[in-house]
Amino acid sequence: MSEIYFPREDSYLLEKYVSLFAEKSVLEIGIGSGIQSFTAAVKKEVTFVIGIDINQKAVNHSTKLAKQKVHKNVLFLQSNLFKNLYEKNFSYDKKKNEIVITKKVVTKEITDKNKKKNQKIDNHKVWKYGSKTNNQENHTFHTIILNPPYLPEDGFKKDIALIGGKHGYEIIEQFLNEVNTFLHTNGRILLLFSSKTGKEKVDTFIENNLLEYTLLEEKYIGGFETLFVYDIKKTDILKELERKGLQDIHKFSKGHRGDIFIADWKNRHKKSKNSANKNNEKDSVAKVIIKKQRANIQIETIRNEITVLKKVNKKRIGPKLFFADDNSKEPFFVCEYINGIKIEEFLEKKSKKEIQKVLKNIFEQCFILDTMQLTKEEMHRPYKHIIVKEKVSKDTFMKEKNTKLKKNKQTKEHLPILLDFERCRYDSDPKNVTQFCQYVTSQRIRTLLERKKFTIDIEKIRKTAKEYKENKDISSLLKSVGIDE
């Protein structure tokens, strides 16, 4: 383990802004000598300070200083970033003049033999994510400070006080990926890093976690190195999502015109408060997708997709739209996460019978879109735009008197879900069915289907597709493809 990182030019630069902005509950990650924690602790706006470091020597050093300076509102702990904080709550007892730590635990499910309800574990205060009774003051911080090791390895001897990873930005990336859980809704992060870390990389990590920053200072220190101090806060979108109960929000992918995030939505499936069995309910977590318009995109594709999803959802087409905001500068919506496989992978792996049902379902959805006079645009190449999910349904047998409960019978069903409606438009001559015909008769897909014993007669399909444009008879087209025999 390396020695303690004592104050240098970067430490004093960050200290200036800690003395200006630190308030209420404060968390410092990577305390080193403890300079930032002690600077915050003496401020009248600060209630208490938690300082953590991976280096036990640094923890011991700062703990000793705190006792010498009689700082009872400061506590130092050993932890690798947030690792040892996930199971703890922190608060300050003014009467006892000390920091109080309690465990984050949930109510334990009680068996019928033990008639007590909601028994508490370890005699600690019960704490639940998503609960209206949560006291956010106990598990989040108003100010989080980080002056991380930010230099790339560059062949030098590895020193955890200086080296931030192979490229220098790995610790900052991990920190920003986890920090939202611990940052108060109206809190701030004071982050210092070097140009050697890569400013564009840090900016990307901030954006990927729905945060925003203000540059407080940029200081050249020689040797082709510049220091940056950022004031980072939660975006309005992140605040709104968390207010609605979404957690663990992370960048999922980048679209042509929007950014896509994935999140957990706890208790979305929970029954209403009036449910008679509410005491027996278990927490449930649903994966959801957040799609947000990028600020530099002028074409309002997200607003268009929100409008279209509201319409097609009524016909049970597309991922279920849960809620949206199309009035802000950066509109967004939240919809269900489809866990399945892409259409081409499905065609490669499944049997002819399963494929017939799925292709028929897709054609029927395309037909409905045609009747709505909507053209989706990507149906001739829907490689990423159709996900087939597996739905398991249970036929539960009733328990009769003096008999054992029979096992549930499970049946599997494959459901194709059409994705990405951002380019969908009104069209007096819609082309969804005919476009999907193009896909089915393409060389690659035709080869896949013929391996599954499909007979693909291109001329016949083209003829019936042309007739479909005139008579809108989907049944003849399905028969020509061999999926409605």
Protein backbone atom coordinates (compact mmCIF):
# COMPACT_ATOMS: atom_id res chain seq x y z
CA MET A 1 0.00 0.00 0.00
CA SER A 2 1.35 3.42 -0.97
CA GLU A 3 1.92 6.32 1.36
CA ILE A 4 -0.59 9.08 2.15
CA TYR A 5 -1.21 11.73 -0.54
CA PHE A 6 -0.36 15.02 1.17
CA PRO A 7 -1.62 18.40 -0.17
CA ARG A 8 -0.27 19.64 -3.49
CA GLU A 9 -1.35 22.29 -5.97
CA ASP A 10 -4.46 20.33 -7.00
CA SER A 11 -5.48 19.90 -3.34
CA TYR A 12 -5.34 23.65 -2.66
CA LEU A 13 -7.24 24.45 -5.85
CA LEU A 14 -10.11 22.14 -4.86
CA GLU A 15 -10.00 23.36 -1.25
CA LYS A 16 -10.94 26.86 -2.48
CA TYR A 17 -14.25 25.58 -3.84
CA VAL A 18 -14.93 23.23 -0.92
CA SER A 19 -14.76 26.28 1.36
CA LEU A 20 -17.24 28.07 -0.92
CA PHE A 21 -19.79 25.37 -1.72
CA ALA A 22 -19.71 22.53 0.84
CA GLU A 23 -22.90 22.36 2.88
CA LYS A 24 -25.08 20.11 5.03
CA SER A 25 -24.04 16.44 4.75
CA VAL A 26 -20.66 15.99 3.06
CA LEU A 27 -18.94 12.92 1.65
CA GLU A 28 -15.31 12.99 0.52
CA ILE A 29 -14.03 10.13 -1.61
CA GLY A 30 -10.26 9.62 -1.39
CA ILE A 31 -9.34 11.76 1.62
CA GLY A 32 -5.55 11.53 1.37
CA SER A 33 -4.40 13.83 4.17
CA GLY A 34 -7.99 14.85 4.97
CA ILE A 35 -7.59 18.46 3.80
CA GLN A 36 -10.99 18.68 2.06
CA SER A 37 -12.89 16.96 4.89
CA PHE A 38 -11.45 19.28 7.55
CA THR A 39 -12.05 22.34 5.35
CA ALA A 40 -15.71 21.34 5.07
CA ALA A 41 -16.09 20.37 8.73
CA VAL A 42 -15.38 23.88 10.08
CA LYS A 43 -18.04 25.51 7.91
CA LYS A 44 -21.20 26.53 9.72
CA GLU A 45 -23.26 25.37 6.70
CA VAL A 46 -21.93 21.80 7.12
CA THR A 47 -23.69 19.36 9.45
CA PHE A 48 -21.28 16.43 9.27
CA VAL A 49 -18.56 14.95 7.07
CA ILE A 50 -17.85 11.35 6.09
CA GLY A 51 -14.41 10.80 4.57
CA ILE A 52 -13.38 7.53 2.95
CA ASP A 53 -10.20 6.19 1.41
CA ILE A 54 -9.01 2.82 0.13
CA ASN A 55 -5.76 3.38 2.05
CA GLN A 56 -6.15 2.44 5.73
CA LYS A 57 -3.08 4.55 6.56
CA ALA A 58 -4.89 7.63 5.27
CA VAL A 59 -7.96 6.73 7.35
CA ASN A 60 -5.88 6.29 10.49
CA HIS A 61 -3.99 9.53 9.89
CA SER A 62 -7.15 11.62 9.43
CA THR A 63 -8.91 9.95 12.36
CA LYS A 64 -5.99 10.88 14.61
CA LEU A 65 -6.09 14.48 13.37
CA ALA A 66 -9.85 14.69 13.96
CA LYS A 67 -9.35 13.69 17.61
CA GLN A 68 -6.58 16.23 18.04
CA LYS A 69 -8.70 18.99 16.51
CA VAL A 70 -11.79 17.81 18.45
CA HIS A 71 -13.86 17.44 15.28
CA LYS A 72 -16.81 15.30 16.37
CA ASN A 73 -18.76 15.93 13.18
CA VAL A 74 -16.15 14.10 11.05
CA LEU A 75 -15.86 10.35 10.58
CA PHE A 76 -13.30 8.49 8.45
CA LEU A 77 -13.84 5.00 7.05
CA GLN A 78 -11.94 2.60 4.80
CA SER A 79 -13.68 1.88 1.50
CA ASN A 80 -12.95 1.42 -2.19
CA LEU A 81 -15.14 4.23 -3.55
CA PHE A 82 -18.73 3.53 -2.36
CA LYS A 83 -18.28 -0.20 -1.68
CA ASN A 84 -18.67 -0.06 2.12
CA LEU A 85 -21.38 2.62 2.09
CA TYR A 86 -24.21 0.71 0.40
CA GLU A 87 -25.38 -0.89 3.66
CA LYS A 88 -25.09 2.20 5.85
CA ASN A 89 -27.13 5.28 6.75
CA PHE A 90 -25.49 8.35 8.24
CA SER A 91 -27.02 11.09 10.37
CA TYR A 92 -25.86 13.56 12.99
CA ASP A 93 -27.20 13.56 16.55
CA LYS A 94 -26.94 17.15 17.75
CA LYS A 95 -27.75 16.27 21.36
CA LYS A 96 -25.00 13.66 21.61
CA ASN A 97 -22.76 15.62 19.21
CA GLU A 98 -21.86 12.54 17.21
CA ILE A 99 -22.40 10.86 13.86
CA VAL A 100 -24.88 7.97 13.97
CA ILE A 101 -24.53 4.98 11.63
CA THR A 102 -27.43 2.58 11.06
CA LYS A 103 -27.74 -0.31 8.65
CA LYS A 104 -29.92 -0.25 5.57
CA VAL A 105 -32.19 -3.25 5.96
CA VAL A 106 -35.62 -4.25 4.74
CA THR A 107 -38.47 -5.91 6.54
CA LYS A 108 -38.12 -9.66 6.80
CA GLU A 109 -40.82 -11.93 5.42
CA ILE A 110 -42.42 -13.86 8.28
CA THR A 111 -43.70 -17.42 7.99
CA ASP A 112 -47.17 -18.47 9.15
CA LYS A 113 -45.64 -20.02 12.27
CA ASN A 114 -44.38 -16.65 13.38
CA LYS A 115 -47.48 -14.47 13.47
CA LYS A 116 -45.58 -11.23 13.90
CA LYS A 117 -45.72 -8.96 10.88
CA ASN A 118 -42.87 -6.94 9.38
CA GLN A 119 -40.34 -8.10 11.95
CA LYS A 120 -37.24 -5.91 11.87
CA ILE A 121 -33.77 -7.32 11.38
CA ASP A 122 -30.86 -6.57 13.75
CA ASN A 123 -32.99 -4.03 15.67
CA HIS A 124 -31.92 -1.32 13.23
CA LYS A 125 -34.10 1.26 11.57
CA VAL A 126 -35.83 -0.20 8.51
CA TRP A 127 -34.95 1.54 5.24
CA LYS A 128 -36.39 0.89 1.79
CA TYR A 129 -35.70 2.29 -1.64
CA GLY A 130 -38.82 3.70 -3.22
CA SER A 131 -40.70 4.07 0.03
CA LYS A 132 -42.54 7.33 0.69
CA THR A 133 -41.29 7.15 4.26
CA ASN A 134 -37.64 7.28 3.19
CA ASN A 135 -35.64 10.01 4.83
CA GLN A 136 -33.31 11.02 2.03
CA GLU A 137 -31.20 12.99 4.48
CA ASN A 138 -30.00 9.69 5.98
CA HIS A 139 -28.73 7.94 2.87
CA THR A 140 -27.64 10.70 0.50
CA PHE A 141 -25.19 13.58 0.70
CA HIS A 142 -25.64 17.23 -0.26
CA THR A 143 -21.97 17.63 -1.17
CA ILE A 144 -19.68 14.92 -2.55
CA ILE A 145 -16.00 15.74 -3.06
CA LEU A 146 -13.57 13.85 -5.27
CA ASN A 147 -9.94 14.60 -6.06
CA PRO A 148 -9.15 11.19 -7.53
CA PRO A 149 -5.95 9.63 -8.78
CA TYR A 150 -6.23 10.82 -12.37
CA LEU A 151 -2.93 10.07 -14.11
CA PRO A 152 -2.59 7.28 -16.71
CA GLU A 153 -0.14 4.46 -15.99
CA ASP A 154 2.24 5.33 -18.83
CA GLY A 155 4.65 2.63 -17.69
CA PHE A 156 5.28 4.23 -14.30
CA LYS A 157 5.20 2.31 -11.05
CA LYS A 158 1.60 1.84 -10.02
CA ASP A 159 0.69 4.16 -7.15
CA ILE A 160 -2.98 4.19 -6.08
CA ALA A 161 -2.57 7.77 -4.83
CA LEU A 162 -1.65 8.96 -8.34
CA ILE A 163 -2.68 6.44 -10.99
CA GLY A 164 -6.35 6.46 -12.03
CA GLY A 165 -6.10 3.35 -14.21
CA LYS A 166 -4.59 2.37 -17.53
CA HIS A 167 -5.94 5.52 -19.20
CA GLY A 168 -6.24 7.64 -16.06
CA TYR A 169 -10.02 8.02 -16.15
CA GLU A 170 -11.21 4.62 -14.90
CA ILE A 171 -11.74 5.67 -11.26
CA ILE A 172 -13.68 8.78 -12.32
CA GLU A 173 -15.83 6.66 -14.63
CA GLN A 174 -16.66 4.16 -11.86
CA PHE A 175 -17.36 6.99 -9.42
CA LEU A 176 -19.79 8.75 -11.78
CA ASN A 177 -21.53 5.45 -12.58
CA GLU A 178 -22.33 4.95 -8.87
CA VAL A 179 -22.63 8.45 -7.43
CA ASN A 180 -26.32 9.11 -8.18
CA THR A 181 -27.36 6.62 -5.49
CA PHE A 182 -25.56 8.72 -2.88
CA LEU A 183 -26.15 12.24 -4.21
CA HIS A 184 -29.08 14.22 -2.80
CA THR A 185 -31.65 15.44 -5.34
CA ASN A 186 -30.39 19.00 -4.97
CA GLY A 187 -26.83 18.05 -4.11
CA ARG A 188 -23.57 18.79 -5.91
CA ILE A 189 -20.30 17.06 -6.74
CA LEU A 190 -17.01 18.95 -6.59
CA LEU A 191 -14.66 17.10 -8.94
CA LEU A 192 -11.05 17.91 -9.78
CA PHE A 193 -9.17 16.21 -12.60
CA SER A 194 -6.32 16.76 -15.04
CA SER A 195 -6.12 17.28 -18.79
CA LYS A 196 -3.98 14.13 -18.78
CA THR A 197 -7.13 12.25 -17.78
CA GLY A 198 -8.99 13.39 -20.89
CA LYS A 199 -11.58 16.15 -20.52
CA GLU A 200 -13.81 14.81 -23.31
CA LYS A 201 -13.92 11.42 -21.60
CA VAL A 202 -14.98 12.93 -18.28
CA ASP A 203 -17.63 15.05 -20.02
CA THR A 204 -19.00 11.88 -21.65
CA PHE A 205 -19.15 10.01 -18.32
CA ILE A 206 -21.11 12.92 -16.83
CA GLU A 207 -23.59 12.95 -19.72
CA ASN A 208 -23.94 9.14 -19.63
CA ASN A 209 -25.26 9.38 -16.06
CA LEU A 210 -27.75 12.22 -16.73
CA LEU A 211 -25.63 14.75 -14.87
CA GLU A 212 -24.58 18.25 -15.90
CA TYR A 213 -21.59 20.37 -14.95
CA THR A 214 -20.35 23.93 -14.56
CA LEU A 215 -16.64 24.61 -15.01
CA LEU A 216 -15.53 26.44 -11.86
CA GLU A 217 -11.89 26.86 -12.79
CA GLU A 218 -9.35 25.82 -15.39
CA LYS A 219 -5.72 26.22 -14.27
CA TYR A 220 -2.55 25.52 -16.26
CA ILE A 221 0.18 24.14 -13.97
CA GLY A 222 2.98 23.59 -16.46
CA GLY A 223 4.28 20.46 -18.13
CA PHE A 224 1.44 20.51 -20.67
CA GLU A 225 -1.01 19.87 -17.83
CA THR A 226 -4.19 21.76 -16.93
CA LEU A 227 -6.40 21.19 -13.88
CA PHE A 228 -10.19 21.41 -14.06
CA VAL A 229 -12.67 21.88 -11.21
CA TYR A 230 -16.27 20.90 -11.99
CA ASP A 231 -19.47 21.61 -10.09
CA ILE A 232 -21.70 18.66 -11.08
CA LYS A 233 -25.44 18.36 -10.40
CA LYS A 234 -28.36 16.16 -11.37
CA THR A 235 -30.24 17.18 -14.51
CA ASP A 236 -33.94 17.98 -14.33
CA ILE A 237 -34.64 14.77 -16.26
CA LEU A 238 -32.76 12.67 -13.69
CA LYS A 239 -34.60 14.37 -10.82
CA GLU A 240 -37.95 13.63 -12.47
CA LEU A 241 -37.06 9.99 -13.12
CA GLU A 242 -35.87 9.44 -9.55
CA ARG A 243 -38.95 11.18 -8.20
CA LYS A 244 -41.05 8.60 -10.03
CA GLY A 245 -39.03 5.77 -8.46
CA LEU A 246 -36.51 4.89 -11.17
CA GLN A 247 -33.11 3.75 -9.91
CA ASP A 248 -29.72 2.63 -11.20
CA ILE A 249 -30.04 4.68 -14.38
CA HIS A 250 -27.24 4.08 -16.89
CA LYS A 251 -26.48 4.73 -20.54
CA PHE A 252 -27.65 1.77 -22.63
CA SER A 253 -26.88 2.81 -26.20
CA LYS A 254 -26.68 5.78 -28.51
CA GLY A 255 -29.20 6.21 -31.32
CA HIS A 256 -28.92 8.39 -34.39
CA ARG A 257 -30.87 11.23 -32.78
CA GLY A 258 -31.37 10.26 -29.16
CA ASP A 259 -29.67 8.67 -26.16
CA ILE A 260 -31.06 5.50 -24.61
CA PHE A 261 -30.77 4.68 -20.92
CA ILE A 262 -31.79 1.63 -18.90
CA ALA A 263 -33.10 1.71 -15.32
CA ASP A 264 -34.81 -0.28 -12.58
CA TRP A 265 -38.34 0.74 -11.64
CA LYS A 266 -39.01 -0.65 -8.21
CA ASN A 267 -42.57 -1.55 -7.16
CA ARG A 268 -44.05 -0.65 -10.56
CA HIS A 269 -46.10 -3.86 -10.48
CA LYS A 270 -47.10 -3.46 -6.84
CA LYS A 271 -50.80 -3.57 -6.08
CA SER A 272 -52.68 -0.53 -4.91
CA LYS A 273 -52.69 0.53 -1.27
CA ASN A 274 -56.27 -0.68 -0.94
CA SER A 275 -55.25 -4.26 -1.66
CA ALA A 276 -56.31 -6.62 1.11
CA ASN A 277 -53.04 -8.55 0.82
CA LYS A 278 -50.70 -5.57 0.75
CA ASN A 279 -48.78 -6.80 3.82
CA ASN A 280 -47.84 -9.96 1.93
CA GLU A 281 -46.66 -8.19 -1.21
CA LYS A 282 -43.04 -8.49 -2.26
CA ASP A 283 -41.04 -5.73 -3.90
CA SER A 284 -40.74 -6.09 -7.64
CA VAL A 285 -38.29 -4.48 -10.01
CA ALA A 286 -39.00 -3.90 -13.68
CA LYS A 287 -36.37 -2.97 -16.26
CA VAL A 288 -37.37 0.08 -18.28
CA ILE A 289 -35.90 2.09 -21.14
CA ILE A 290 -35.53 5.88 -21.15
CA LYS A 291 -35.14 7.54 -24.52
CA LYS A 292 -34.00 11.17 -24.53
CA GLN A 293 -33.55 13.69 -27.32
CA ARG A 294 -29.99 14.94 -27.64
CA ALA A 295 -29.64 18.69 -27.19
CA ASN A 296 -27.75 19.17 -30.45
CA ILE A 297 -30.44 17.51 -32.58
CA GLN A 298 -32.94 19.90 -34.16
CA ILE A 299 -35.31 17.30 -35.63
CA GLU A 300 -37.90 16.49 -32.98
CA THR A 301 -37.89 12.72 -33.38
CA ILE A 302 -38.55 11.92 -29.71
CA ARG A 303 -41.72 14.03 -29.63
CA ASN A 304 -42.83 12.22 -32.78
CA GLU A 305 -42.12 8.82 -31.22
CA ILE A 306 -44.10 9.72 -28.09
CA THR A 307 -47.11 10.67 -30.22
CA VAL A 308 -46.87 7.48 -32.31
CA LEU A 309 -46.42 5.16 -29.31
CA LYS A 310 -49.55 6.55 -27.68
CA LYS A 311 -51.48 5.63 -30.83
CA VAL A 312 -49.99 2.22 -31.62
CA ASN A 313 -50.05 1.07 -27.98
CA LYS A 314 -53.85 1.15 -28.23
CA LYS A 315 -53.47 -1.57 -30.88
CA ARG A 316 -50.97 -3.48 -28.71
CA ILE A 317 -48.06 -2.57 -30.97
CA GLY A 318 -44.64 -1.44 -29.76
CA PRO A 319 -43.15 -1.35 -26.25
CA LYS A 320 -45.56 -0.13 -23.60
CA LEU A 321 -45.21 3.60 -22.99
CA PHE A 322 -45.31 4.38 -19.25
CA PHE A 323 -44.86 8.14 -19.15
CA ALA A 324 -43.27 10.95 -21.13
CA ASP A 325 -42.34 14.61 -21.09
CA ASP A 326 -42.61 16.22 -24.52
CA ASN A 327 -42.73 19.81 -23.28
CA SER A 328 -39.11 20.22 -22.16
CA LYS A 329 -36.17 21.30 -24.32
CA GLU A 330 -34.89 17.71 -24.22
CA PRO A 331 -38.06 15.58 -24.43
CA PHE A 332 -37.93 12.01 -23.13
CA PHE A 333 -40.12 9.00 -22.54
CA VAL A 334 -40.02 5.82 -20.46
CA CYS A 335 -41.19 2.52 -21.90
CA GLU A 336 -40.88 -1.18 -21.13
CA TYR A 337 -37.57 -2.94 -21.69
CA ILE A 338 -37.95 -5.80 -24.16
CA ASN A 339 -35.82 -8.74 -23.15
CA GLY A 340 -35.54 -11.03 -26.15
CA ILE A 341 -33.57 -11.79 -29.31
CA LYS A 342 -33.35 -9.99 -32.64
CA ILE A 343 -35.58 -11.25 -35.43
CA GLU A 344 -32.74 -12.72 -37.51
CA GLU A 345 -31.37 -14.69 -34.57
CA PHE A 346 -34.87 -15.99 -33.93
CA LEU A 347 -35.19 -17.16 -37.55
CA GLU A 348 -31.87 -18.98 -37.27
CA LYS A 349 -32.63 -20.80 -34.01
CA LYS A 350 -36.33 -21.66 -33.95
CA SER A 351 -38.51 -24.26 -35.64
CA LYS A 352 -40.64 -23.71 -38.71
CA LYS A 353 -43.83 -23.76 -36.66
CA GLU A 354 -42.54 -21.11 -34.24
CA ILE A 355 -41.28 -18.97 -37.12
CA GLN A 356 -44.64 -19.18 -38.91
CA LYS A 357 -46.47 -17.80 -35.88
CA VAL A 358 -44.01 -14.95 -35.38
CA LEU A 359 -43.92 -13.93 -39.05
CA LYS A 360 -47.72 -13.99 -39.17
CA ASN A 361 -47.84 -11.78 -36.07
CA ILE A 362 -45.41 -9.29 -37.63
CA PHE A 363 -47.37 -9.13 -40.88
CA GLU A 364 -50.57 -8.56 -38.90
CA GLN A 365 -48.95 -5.69 -36.97
CA CYS A 366 -47.75 -4.21 -40.26
CA PHE A 367 -51.29 -4.52 -41.62
CA ILE A 368 -52.70 -2.65 -38.61
CA LEU A 369 -50.14 0.13 -39.12
CA ASP A 370 -51.20 0.29 -42.77
CA THR A 371 -54.85 0.67 -41.76
CA MET A 372 -53.78 3.50 -39.42
CA GLN A 373 -52.01 5.13 -42.40
CA LEU A 374 -48.66 5.06 -40.65
CA THR A 375 -45.39 4.04 -42.31
CA LYS A 376 -42.72 2.91 -39.86
CA GLU A 377 -39.92 3.13 -42.48
CA GLU A 378 -37.55 0.34 -41.34
CA MET A 379 -39.61 -2.77 -42.07
CA HIS A 380 -37.55 -3.72 -45.15
CA ARG A 381 -34.45 -3.97 -42.92
CA PRO A 382 -35.69 -4.45 -39.36
CA TYR A 383 -32.50 -6.08 -38.06
CA LYS A 384 -32.51 -4.07 -34.82
CA HIS A 385 -36.14 -3.02 -34.88
CA ILE A 386 -37.90 -6.30 -34.10
CA ILE A 387 -37.19 -8.13 -30.84
CA VAL A 388 -38.87 -11.45 -30.17
CA LYS A 389 -39.54 -12.04 -26.50
CA GLU A 390 -40.62 -15.25 -24.85
CA LYS A 391 -43.79 -15.02 -22.81
CA VAL A 392 -44.47 -17.79 -20.30
CA SER A 393 -48.09 -18.20 -19.29
CA LYS A 394 -49.28 -20.37 -16.42
CA ASP A 395 -52.48 -22.36 -16.27
CA THR A 396 -53.03 -22.70 -12.52
CA PHE A 397 -55.07 -25.65 -11.28
CA MET A 398 -57.36 -25.01 -8.31
CA LYS A 399 -56.69 -26.83 -5.06
CA GLU A 400 -59.52 -29.16 -4.20
CA LYS A 401 -60.39 -30.31 -0.71
CA ASN A 402 -58.19 -33.13 0.64
CA THR A 403 -56.00 -33.07 -2.50
CA LYS A 404 -52.56 -31.76 -3.19
CA LEU A 405 -52.10 -28.70 -5.34
CA LYS A 406 -51.15 -29.73 -8.86
CA LYS A 407 -48.14 -28.13 -10.50
CA ASN A 408 -48.72 -25.14 -12.72
CA LYS A 409 -48.71 -25.93 -16.40
CA GLN A 410 -46.49 -23.55 -18.36
CA THR A 411 -46.91 -22.64 -21.99
CA LYS A 412 -44.43 -20.59 -23.99
CA GLU A 413 -45.35 -18.03 -26.59
CA HIS A 414 -43.06 -15.93 -28.77
CA LEU A 415 -44.13 -12.31 -29.20
CA PRO A 416 -42.45 -10.02 -31.77
CA ILE A 417 -42.21 -6.40 -30.59
CA LEU A 418 -41.63 -3.58 -33.07
CA LEU A 419 -39.18 -0.97 -31.79
CA ASP A 420 -38.07 2.56 -32.72
CA PHE A 421 -40.93 4.64 -34.05
CA GLU A 422 -38.99 7.90 -34.23
CA ARG A 423 -39.17 7.99 -38.04
CA CYS A 424 -42.77 6.77 -38.22
CA ARG A 425 -44.96 9.16 -40.21
CA TYR A 426 -48.46 9.64 -41.58
CA ASP A 427 -48.72 8.21 -45.10
CA SER A 428 -51.75 8.05 -47.37
CA ASP A 429 -50.03 5.12 -49.08
CA PRO A 430 -48.49 3.16 -46.15
CA LYS A 431 -45.83 0.56 -46.95
CA ASN A 432 -45.28 -1.56 -43.83
CA VAL A 433 -46.60 -4.85 -45.26
CA THR A 434 -44.85 -4.47 -48.60
CA GLN A 435 -41.60 -3.42 -46.93
CA PHE A 436 -41.66 -6.51 -44.73
CA CYS A 437 -42.23 -8.60 -47.86
CA GLN A 438 -38.97 -7.15 -49.18
CA TYR A 439 -37.22 -8.31 -46.02
CA VAL A 440 -38.66 -11.83 -46.18
CA THR A 441 -37.67 -12.23 -49.84
CA SER A 442 -34.16 -10.78 -49.43
CA GLN A 443 -31.35 -13.20 -50.25
CA ARG A 444 -30.15 -13.73 -46.67
CA ILE A 445 -33.59 -14.19 -45.09
CA ARG A 446 -34.88 -16.31 -47.96
CA THR A 447 -31.91 -18.64 -47.45
CA LEU A 448 -32.64 -18.87 -43.72
CA LEU A 449 -36.31 -19.68 -44.32
CA GLU A 450 -35.58 -22.27 -47.00
CA ARG A 451 -33.35 -24.10 -44.51
CA LYS A 452 -36.44 -24.34 -42.30
CA LYS A 453 -38.38 -25.95 -45.19
CA PHE A 454 -40.20 -22.79 -46.27
CA THR A 455 -40.97 -22.51 -49.98
CA ILE A 456 -40.23 -18.94 -51.02
CA ASP A 457 -41.67 -18.18 -54.43
CA ILE A 458 -40.43 -14.65 -55.07
CA GLU A 459 -42.57 -14.03 -58.13
CA LYS A 460 -45.73 -15.21 -56.37
CA ILE A 461 -44.99 -13.09 -53.30
CA ARG A 462 -44.30 -10.02 -55.44
CA LYS A 463 -47.53 -10.56 -57.34
CA THR A 464 -49.65 -10.89 -54.18
CA ALA A 465 -47.82 -7.89 -52.63
CA LYS A 466 -48.80 -5.84 -55.68
CA GLU A 467 -52.39 -7.06 -55.35
CA TYR A 468 -52.31 -6.20 -51.65
CA LYS A 469 -51.67 -2.55 -52.53
CA GLU A 470 -54.97 -2.57 -54.40
CA ASN A 471 -57.26 -4.80 -52.30
CA LYS A 472 -55.54 -4.81 -48.85
CA ASP A 473 -56.12 -8.58 -48.65
CA ILE A 474 -53.54 -9.71 -46.10
CA SER A 475 -54.67 -13.36 -46.06
CA SER A 476 -53.59 -14.02 -49.66
CA LEU A 477 -50.21 -12.49 -48.96
CA LEU A 478 -49.71 -14.67 -45.87
CA LYS A 479 -50.49 -17.78 -47.86
CA SER A 480 -48.01 -16.82 -50.58
CA VAL A 481 -45.27 -16.54 -47.94
CA GLY A 482 -46.26 -19.92 -46.51
CA ILE A 483 -47.23 -18.78 -43.03
CA ASP A 484 -51.01 -19.13 -43.23
CA GLU A 485 -51.54 -22.52 -44.76
